[in-house]
């Protein structure tokens, strides 16, 4: 009796189906883990390929140089 319902299935009948389901779930889980790792690798590659844009300092004399610090002058974004 399962949940108040009389069932005429034995362990011998149910066990093969449960084993098949278990194997199927393991395969699906393995595939999901592979996909997750692939996505994670792609994200890491993307993070490396995307660099913050450098800032070019234009001094009052019109000279340009790349800089990581803020100094006097006019700043322009560089897409190089």
Protein backbone atom coordinates (compact mmCIF):
# COMPACT_ATOMS: atom_id res chain seq x y z
CA UNK A 1 0.00 0.00 0.00
CA UNK A 2 1.40 3.41 -1.07
CA UNK A 3 -0.41 6.55 0.10
CA UNK A 4 -3.53 4.52 0.79
CA UNK A 5 -3.53 2.88 -2.65
CA UNK A 6 -3.09 -0.85 -3.02
CA UNK A 7 -0.23 -1.49 -5.44
CA UNK A 8 0.65 -4.86 -6.89
CA UNK A 9 4.22 -4.14 -7.96
CA UNK A 10 7.13 -5.84 -6.33
CA UNK A 11 10.68 -4.69 -5.82
CA UNK A 12 11.67 -7.07 -8.60
CA UNK A 13 9.40 -5.14 -11.00
CA UNK A 14 10.36 -1.65 -9.88
CA UNK A 15 14.11 -2.02 -9.38
CA UNK A 16 15.10 -2.17 -13.12
CA UNK A 17 13.14 1.02 -13.85
CA UNK A 18 14.78 2.79 -10.92
CA UNK A 19 18.23 1.69 -12.06
CA UNK A 20 17.53 2.92 -15.60
CA UNK A 21 16.30 6.26 -14.26
CA UNK A 22 19.35 6.55 -12.04
CA UNK A 23 21.73 5.90 -14.95
CA UNK A 24 19.89 8.44 -17.10
CA UNK A 25 20.10 11.08 -14.38
CA UNK A 26 23.84 10.45 -13.98
CA UNK A 27 24.36 10.96 -17.73
CA UNK A 28 22.33 14.16 -17.72
CA UNK A 29 24.24 15.46 -14.70
CA UNK A 30 27.60 14.68 -16.36
CA UNK A 31 26.50 16.55 -19.50
CA UNK A 32 25.35 19.55 -17.45
CA UNK A 33 28.68 19.64 -15.62
CA UNK A 34 30.52 19.59 -18.98
CA UNK A 35 28.37 22.45 -20.27
CA UNK A 36 28.92 24.42 -17.07
CA UNK A 37 32.71 23.99 -17.27
CA UNK A 38 32.66 25.00 -20.94
CA UNK A 39 30.68 28.14 -20.09
CA UNK A 40 33.03 28.90 -17.23
CA UNK A 41 36.07 28.58 -19.55
CA UNK A 42 34.39 30.84 -22.12
CA UNK A 43 33.69 33.42 -19.43
CA UNK A 44 37.33 33.36 -18.28
CA UNK A 45 38.51 33.81 -21.88
CA UNK A 46 36.09 36.71 -22.28
CA UNK A 47 37.31 38.33 -19.06
CA UNK A 48 40.90 38.15 -20.30
CA UNK A 49 40.01 39.51 -23.75
CA UNK A 50 38.10 42.50 -22.37
CA UNK A 51 40.63 45.00 -21.16
CA UNK A 52 39.68 48.27 -19.53
CA UNK A 53 40.07 51.13 -21.96
CA UNK A 54 43.21 53.11 -21.42
CA UNK A 55 42.94 56.81 -20.90
CA UNK A 56 45.01 59.13 -23.02
CA UNK A 57 46.20 62.35 -21.45
CA UNK A 58 46.23 65.35 -23.73
CA UNK A 59 48.41 68.02 -22.23
CA UNK A 60 47.83 71.71 -22.87
CA UNK A 61 50.70 71.60 -25.39
CA UNK A 62 48.87 68.93 -27.43
CA UNK A 63 51.19 66.08 -26.49
CA UNK A 64 49.48 62.71 -25.96
CA UNK A 65 50.59 59.91 -23.70
CA UNK A 66 48.90 56.92 -22.06
CA UNK A 67 48.49 57.15 -18.32
CA UNK A 68 46.88 55.30 -15.44
CA UNK A 69 46.98 58.25 -13.06
CA UNK A 70 44.98 61.44 -13.03
CA UNK A 71 47.00 64.52 -13.86
CA UNK A 72 46.25 68.00 -15.08
CA UNK A 73 45.03 68.07 -18.68
CA UNK A 74 42.12 66.96 -20.83
CA UNK A 75 41.19 63.29 -20.84
CA UNK A 76 39.92 61.41 -23.87
CA UNK A 77 38.98 57.74 -24.04
CA UNK A 78 41.22 55.65 -26.22
CA UNK A 79 39.84 52.61 -28.00
CA UNK A 80 43.27 51.38 -29.05
